[in-house]
Protein backbone atom coordinates (compact mmCIF):
# COMPACT_ATOMS: atom_id res chain seq x y z
CA MET A 1 -46.45 -92.88 157.63
CA ALA A 2 -46.60 -92.62 161.41
CA ALA A 3 -50.44 -91.78 160.97
CA ASN A 4 -50.46 -95.28 159.41
CA ALA A 5 -48.75 -96.70 161.92
CA LYS A 6 -50.99 -95.62 165.02
CA LYS A 7 -53.93 -96.59 163.20
CA ASN A 8 -52.84 -100.18 162.41
CA ALA A 9 -52.01 -100.34 166.22
CA GLY A 10 -55.59 -99.38 167.24
CA GLU A 11 -56.73 -101.83 164.45
CA LYS A 12 -54.53 -104.74 166.54
CA ASP A 13 -55.77 -103.32 169.89
CA LEU A 14 -59.25 -103.73 168.64
CA ALA A 15 -58.78 -107.18 167.42
CA LYS A 16 -57.06 -108.25 170.68
CA ASP A 17 -60.21 -106.67 172.65
CA ALA A 18 -62.80 -107.89 170.54
CA ALA A 19 -61.39 -111.67 170.70
CA SER A 20 -62.25 -111.69 174.24
CA ASP A 21 -65.96 -113.34 174.17
CA LYS A 22 -67.38 -115.64 176.81
CA ASP A 23 -64.57 -117.82 176.85
CA ALA A 24 -61.84 -115.86 175.49
CA SER A 25 -62.47 -113.21 177.84
CA SER A 26 -60.91 -115.68 180.42
CA ALA A 27 -57.99 -116.47 178.25
CA THR A 28 -55.55 -114.56 180.35
CA ALA A 29 -56.70 -115.93 183.38
CA VAL A 30 -56.71 -119.59 182.05
CA THR A 31 -53.04 -119.27 180.56
CA LYS A 32 -51.90 -118.60 183.92
CA LYS A 33 -52.66 -122.50 184.95
CA THR A 34 -52.94 -123.84 181.32
CA THR A 35 -50.70 -123.86 178.19
CA ALA A 36 -53.77 -122.62 175.87
CA ALA A 37 -52.36 -121.37 172.70
CA GLY A 38 -52.17 -117.52 171.78
CA ARG A 39 -52.47 -115.90 168.11
CA GLN A 40 -49.61 -118.29 166.67
CA GLY A 41 -48.21 -115.22 164.94
CA LEU A 42 -50.49 -114.34 162.63
CA GLY A 43 -51.15 -110.93 161.07
CA THR A 44 -53.82 -108.03 162.13
CA PRO A 45 -56.76 -109.68 160.67
CA ALA A 46 -55.94 -113.10 162.79
CA TRP A 47 -58.32 -112.52 165.61
CA VAL A 48 -61.51 -112.77 163.56
CA ALA A 49 -60.54 -116.77 163.28
CA ILE A 50 -59.63 -116.86 166.59
CA SER A 51 -62.01 -115.09 168.40
CA VAL A 52 -64.27 -117.24 169.67
CA ALA A 53 -61.82 -119.59 171.01
CA ALA A 54 -58.59 -118.16 171.59
CA LEU A 55 -56.72 -120.25 169.45
CA VAL A 56 -56.38 -121.70 165.97
CA VAL A 57 -53.62 -124.73 165.27
CA GLY A 58 -50.87 -122.91 164.26
CA VAL A 59 -49.46 -126.39 162.41
CA LEU A 60 -52.64 -126.23 160.48
CA CYS A 61 -51.86 -122.93 159.27
CA GLY A 62 -48.74 -124.06 158.00
CA HIS A 63 -50.38 -126.91 156.27
CA PHE A 64 -52.73 -124.35 154.44
CA LEU A 65 -49.99 -122.13 153.26
CA LEU A 66 -47.57 -124.70 152.55
CA GLY A 67 -49.70 -127.01 150.87
CA ASN A 68 -50.44 -124.96 148.23
CA ALA A 69 -50.50 -125.86 144.18
CA GLY A 70 -48.66 -122.94 143.57
CA THR A 71 -48.53 -118.95 143.39
CA VAL A 72 -49.65 -116.09 141.92
CA SER A 73 -46.93 -113.92 140.60
CA LEU A 74 -46.77 -110.65 141.27
CA GLY A 75 -43.99 -109.58 139.56
CA GLY A 76 -41.45 -108.62 142.11
CA LYS A 77 -43.96 -105.74 143.43
CA THR A 78 -43.77 -104.90 147.22
CA THR A 79 -46.28 -102.20 146.58
CA LEU A 80 -49.35 -101.66 144.48
CA SER A 81 -51.05 -98.39 143.02
CA ALA A 82 -54.73 -97.95 143.50
CA ASP A 83 -55.71 -99.37 140.17
CA GLU A 84 -53.86 -102.34 141.41
CA LEU A 85 -56.23 -103.13 144.53
CA ASP A 86 -58.58 -105.23 142.89
CA SER A 87 -56.32 -107.38 141.28
CA THR A 88 -55.87 -111.09 142.13
CA ILE A 89 -52.79 -111.73 144.76
CA ALA A 90 -54.11 -114.96 145.60
CA THR A 91 -56.50 -117.64 145.23
CA TYR A 92 -58.18 -120.10 147.28
CA THR A 93 -60.44 -123.31 146.55
CA TYR A 94 -62.94 -124.64 149.43
CA GLN A 95 -65.52 -127.42 148.77
CA GLY A 96 -64.91 -127.61 144.71
CA ALA A 97 -64.93 -123.59 144.32
CA THR A 98 -62.29 -121.39 143.72
CA SER A 99 -62.54 -117.73 144.82
CA ASN A 100 -60.23 -114.74 144.29
CA ILE A 101 -58.12 -112.56 146.92
CA SER A 102 -57.55 -109.00 146.23
CA ALA A 103 -55.74 -106.35 148.31
CA ARG A 104 -58.35 -104.87 148.67
CA ASP A 105 -59.96 -107.79 150.14
CA VAL A 106 -57.56 -108.02 152.86
CA ILE A 107 -56.96 -104.47 153.30
CA THR A 108 -60.65 -103.65 154.17
CA GLN A 109 -60.86 -106.92 156.59
CA SER A 110 -59.42 -105.16 159.20
CA SER A 111 -59.06 -101.22 157.89
CA THR A 112 -59.78 -98.89 155.37
CA VAL A 113 -58.14 -98.07 152.20
CA ASP A 114 -57.29 -94.42 152.91
CA ALA A 115 -55.76 -95.83 155.92
CA ALA A 116 -53.56 -98.17 154.35
CA ALA A 117 -52.42 -95.50 151.64
CA ASN A 118 -48.63 -94.81 151.89
CA SER A 119 -47.64 -91.18 151.96
CA ASP A 120 -46.56 -91.91 147.96
CA GLY A 121 -50.41 -93.02 147.43
CA THR A 122 -49.01 -96.88 146.78
CA TYR A 123 -50.09 -99.74 149.13
CA ALA A 124 -48.09 -102.42 150.64
CA VAL A 125 -48.71 -105.70 149.42
CA PRO A 126 -50.53 -107.70 151.95
CA SER A 127 -48.40 -109.87 154.27
CA PRO A 128 -48.69 -113.35 153.29
CA SER A 129 -50.10 -114.42 156.98
CA ASP A 130 -52.71 -111.53 156.31
CA VAL A 131 -53.85 -112.79 153.19
CA VAL A 132 -53.62 -116.51 154.77
CA VAL A 133 -55.80 -115.43 157.64
CA TYR A 134 -58.13 -113.59 155.11
CA ALA A 135 -58.79 -117.25 153.73
CA GLN A 136 -59.03 -118.62 156.71
CA ASP A 137 -61.71 -116.16 157.64
CA ALA A 138 -63.88 -116.57 154.96
CA ILE A 139 -63.92 -120.43 154.50
CA ILE A 140 -64.96 -120.65 158.75
CA LEU A 141 -67.36 -117.75 157.78
CA GLN A 142 -68.99 -120.18 154.90
CA GLY A 143 -69.20 -122.81 157.43
CA ALA A 144 -71.61 -121.03 159.52
CA LYS A 145 -73.56 -119.89 156.72
CA ASP A 146 -73.28 -123.38 155.53
CA LYS A 147 -74.95 -124.15 159.08
CA GLY A 148 -77.67 -122.03 157.89
CA LEU A 149 -76.31 -119.50 160.69
CA SER A 150 -76.68 -115.86 160.65
CA VAL A 151 -76.57 -112.85 162.95
CA THR A 152 -79.40 -110.27 163.18
CA ASP A 153 -78.07 -106.50 163.97
CA ASP A 154 -79.49 -107.25 167.65
CA GLU A 155 -76.92 -109.93 168.02
CA VAL A 156 -74.32 -107.75 166.83
CA SER A 157 -75.41 -105.17 168.81
CA ALA A 158 -75.68 -107.39 172.34
CA TYR A 159 -72.09 -108.62 171.16
CA ALA A 160 -70.71 -105.40 170.76
CA THR A 161 -71.89 -104.44 174.12
CA GLN A 162 -70.86 -107.44 175.79
CA MET A 163 -67.39 -106.87 174.70
CA PHE A 164 -67.26 -103.34 175.05
CA GLY A 165 -69.90 -102.26 177.33
CA THR A 166 -71.39 -100.08 174.33
CA ASP A 167 -73.16 -101.04 171.08
CA ASP A 168 -72.34 -97.41 169.58
CA TYR A 169 -69.94 -98.63 166.80
CA ALA A 170 -68.45 -94.71 166.24
CA THR A 171 -67.56 -94.72 169.94
CA ILE A 172 -65.87 -98.11 169.76
CA ALA A 173 -64.07 -96.94 166.37
CA SER A 174 -63.22 -93.93 167.91
CA SER A 175 -61.41 -95.81 170.71
CA TYR A 176 -59.45 -97.78 168.17
CA SER A 177 -58.66 -95.09 165.92
CA ILE A 178 -60.59 -97.08 162.94
CA ASP A 179 -63.81 -96.30 161.00
CA GLU A 180 -67.56 -97.00 162.11
CA ASP A 181 -67.85 -99.66 159.22
CA THR A 182 -64.78 -101.26 159.89
CA ALA A 183 -65.51 -101.94 163.45
CA LYS A 184 -68.86 -103.18 162.68
CA THR A 185 -68.03 -105.54 160.36
CA THR A 186 -65.27 -106.70 162.38
CA LEU A 187 -67.72 -107.41 165.18
CA THR A 188 -70.10 -108.90 162.82
CA SER A 189 -67.89 -111.54 161.66
CA SER A 190 -66.58 -112.39 165.25
CA ALA A 191 -70.53 -112.74 166.81
CA LEU A 192 -71.11 -115.06 163.58
CA MET A 193 -68.00 -117.16 164.44
CA SER A 194 -69.17 -117.08 168.17
CA LYS A 195 -72.60 -118.71 167.25
CA LEU A 196 -70.69 -121.30 164.95
CA ARG A 197 -68.54 -122.28 167.90
CA ASP A 198 -71.71 -122.33 170.19
CA ALA A 199 -73.19 -124.71 167.51
CA VAL A 200 -70.55 -127.26 167.13
CA VAL A 201 -68.90 -127.40 170.73
CA THR A 202 -70.54 -129.74 173.04
CA THR A 203 -68.75 -128.75 176.15
CA THR A 204 -70.37 -126.56 178.96
CA LEU A 205 -68.09 -123.75 180.15
CA PRO A 206 -69.06 -123.43 183.80
CA ASP A 207 -68.90 -119.92 185.68
CA GLN A 208 -65.78 -118.25 185.97
CA PRO A 209 -64.98 -118.79 189.77
CA THR A 210 -63.96 -115.37 191.96
CA ALA A 211 -61.09 -115.85 194.43
CA PRO A 212 -62.05 -115.68 198.19
CA THR A 213 -61.45 -112.18 199.64
CA ALA A 214 -58.32 -112.65 202.01
CA PRO A 215 -59.02 -111.90 205.38
CA ALA A 216 -57.44 -109.27 207.57
CA ASP A 217 -53.70 -109.87 208.52
CA GLY A 218 -54.01 -112.30 211.61
CA ALA A 219 -57.39 -113.83 210.71
CA GLU A 220 -56.23 -116.17 208.48
CA ASP A 221 -57.39 -119.16 210.61
CA THR A 222 -60.83 -117.66 211.83
CA PRO A 223 -64.04 -119.03 210.78
CA THR A 224 -66.47 -117.31 209.35
CA ALA A 225 -69.98 -117.56 207.91
CA ASP A 226 -69.03 -115.83 204.86
CA TYR A 227 -66.32 -118.03 204.17
CA ALA A 228 -68.78 -120.91 204.69
CA SER A 229 -71.30 -119.48 202.34
CA TYR A 230 -68.40 -118.88 199.52
CA VAL A 231 -67.38 -122.88 200.07
CA ILE A 232 -71.21 -124.37 200.14
CA SER A 233 -71.73 -122.10 196.71
CA LEU A 234 -69.04 -123.65 195.01
CA ALA A 235 -69.74 -127.31 196.62
CA GLY A 236 -73.35 -127.07 195.29
CA ASP A 237 -75.05 -130.25 195.42
CA GLU A 238 -72.20 -132.11 197.13
CA TRP A 239 -72.85 -129.77 200.38
CA ASP A 240 -76.63 -131.10 202.28
CA ALA A 241 -77.35 -127.80 204.09
CA GLY A 242 -80.20 -129.52 205.86
CA SER A 243 -77.88 -132.18 207.36
CA ASN A 244 -75.01 -129.38 207.63
CA THR A 245 -72.57 -131.90 206.07
CA TRP A 246 -71.39 -133.58 202.92
CA ALA A 247 -74.04 -135.01 200.72
CA SER A 248 -71.60 -137.75 199.09
CA THR A 249 -67.97 -138.53 199.74
CA ASP A 250 -67.21 -138.99 196.09
CA GLY A 251 -67.09 -135.51 195.06
CA ASP A 252 -64.23 -133.05 193.96
CA TYR A 253 -65.23 -130.70 196.52
CA TYR A 254 -65.12 -133.54 199.50
CA ALA A 255 -61.94 -135.01 198.29
CA ALA A 256 -60.21 -131.47 198.56
CA LEU A 257 -62.12 -130.43 201.63
CA SER A 258 -62.68 -133.39 203.88
CA SER A 259 -59.57 -132.45 206.17
CA TYR A 260 -61.21 -129.00 206.91
CA GLU A 261 -63.99 -128.21 209.50
CA ILE A 262 -66.87 -126.86 207.49
CA THR A 263 -70.45 -126.07 208.71
CA ASN A 264 -73.61 -124.18 207.50
CA ASP A 265 -72.02 -121.07 209.43
CA SER A 266 -68.20 -121.73 209.60
CA ALA A 267 -65.33 -122.12 207.45
CA THR A 268 -61.91 -120.80 207.52
CA TYR A 269 -60.08 -118.85 204.64
CA ALA A 270 -57.92 -121.66 203.83
CA ALA A 271 -60.79 -124.04 203.48
CA ALA A 272 -62.24 -121.23 200.72
CA GLN A 273 -59.02 -121.47 198.93
CA ALA A 274 -59.29 -125.18 198.76
CA ALA A 275 -62.57 -124.67 197.07
CA TYR A 276 -61.76 -122.37 194.74
CA SER A 277 -58.84 -124.49 193.44
CA VAL A 278 -61.49 -127.19 192.56
CA ALA A 279 -64.08 -124.67 190.92
CA TYR A 280 -60.76 -122.96 189.08
CA THR A 281 -59.47 -126.55 187.91
CA ALA A 282 -63.04 -127.68 186.76
CA TYR A 283 -63.29 -124.22 184.78
CA SER A 284 -59.61 -124.42 183.53
CA THR A 285 -60.46 -127.89 182.10
CA ALA A 286 -63.52 -127.12 180.24
CA TYR A 287 -62.21 -124.21 178.76
CA THR A 288 -59.62 -126.10 177.33
CA GLN A 289 -61.95 -129.24 175.94
CA ARG A 290 -63.98 -126.13 174.48
CA ALA A 291 -60.81 -124.38 172.90
CA THR A 292 -59.62 -128.22 171.24
CA GLU A 293 -63.38 -128.85 170.09
CA TRP A 294 -63.27 -125.64 168.24
CA SER A 295 -60.05 -126.15 166.77
CA THR A 296 -60.55 -129.93 165.71
CA TYR A 297 -63.68 -128.22 164.00
CA VAL A 298 -61.65 -125.31 161.97
CA ASN A 299 -58.89 -127.71 161.08
CA SER A 300 -61.87 -129.93 159.56
CA LEU A 301 -62.90 -126.92 157.55
CA LEU A 302 -59.50 -125.84 156.45
CA SER A 303 -58.51 -129.11 155.80
CA GLN A 304 -60.77 -129.16 152.34
CA ALA A 305 -59.03 -126.17 151.37
CA THR A 306 -55.92 -125.49 148.93
CA MET A 307 -54.23 -122.21 148.09
CA GLN A 308 -52.00 -120.29 146.00
CA ILE A 309 -50.61 -117.20 147.49
CA GLY A 310 -49.10 -114.40 145.47
CA SER A 311 -45.21 -114.47 145.27
CA LEU A 312 -42.68 -111.38 144.54
CA VAL A 313 -40.65 -113.30 141.99
């Protein structure tokens, strides 16, 4: 059991880390200044459904579960034998088609059957939250397929490299104490959802700004060319380098920096900080808008589904 607990912890760590793609990799930074939601308390596989946006609306998750037409009886079981792993523990209906969910389906989404086994050879009945997330994931992935989307091995490899700095699935799996197939399957699903997000979300996410380097003690008010270059780089078209002044007076950067003395070669750390604040606000706003667009799309898919989930009575 201790070994299983360690393995499950590794799977959760992989889930958390793999959830950080181009948008979600900045979620920690963004939530310092925004109220972007996290996993909403879902189980281990939840990251797949939220990986490319860092949130799925929790209210919808509750509706998806509580709006069920009924339940599938598990006869009071809390554990299953190996022979029962393929038995139906839940069903979901999406776009008029009903699909069965087995314990094996839920287990192998983020683990292996061997790793999930108890010391006596039995298997815990998957938690309702993990079953719900399995159905959510399947529906979202079906949404991608309905749009004709797929990912190639090269795209999954590139995605893995973006997330972990390597496309060696054995290395990634070893780092999280899971098997190579699970790691690749997990990343393939996440890469496809990332492509789906990019297909349905219209808001462009600007590059996340890097805060200016603080000056040495006592030099906070000393203008430098480096700070000027930093400010002008962020201001972009709002600054006219040829005229060595602002190109316009109706932009966000001018509004924040008009009281500072800035030239092509001179600006203070305070001015750089003010410019960073403008850039970060724009980034944070776009991040939130993208997350909202993605959540709205996911909600539109899940609202077309009903679910029956196994009960213990």
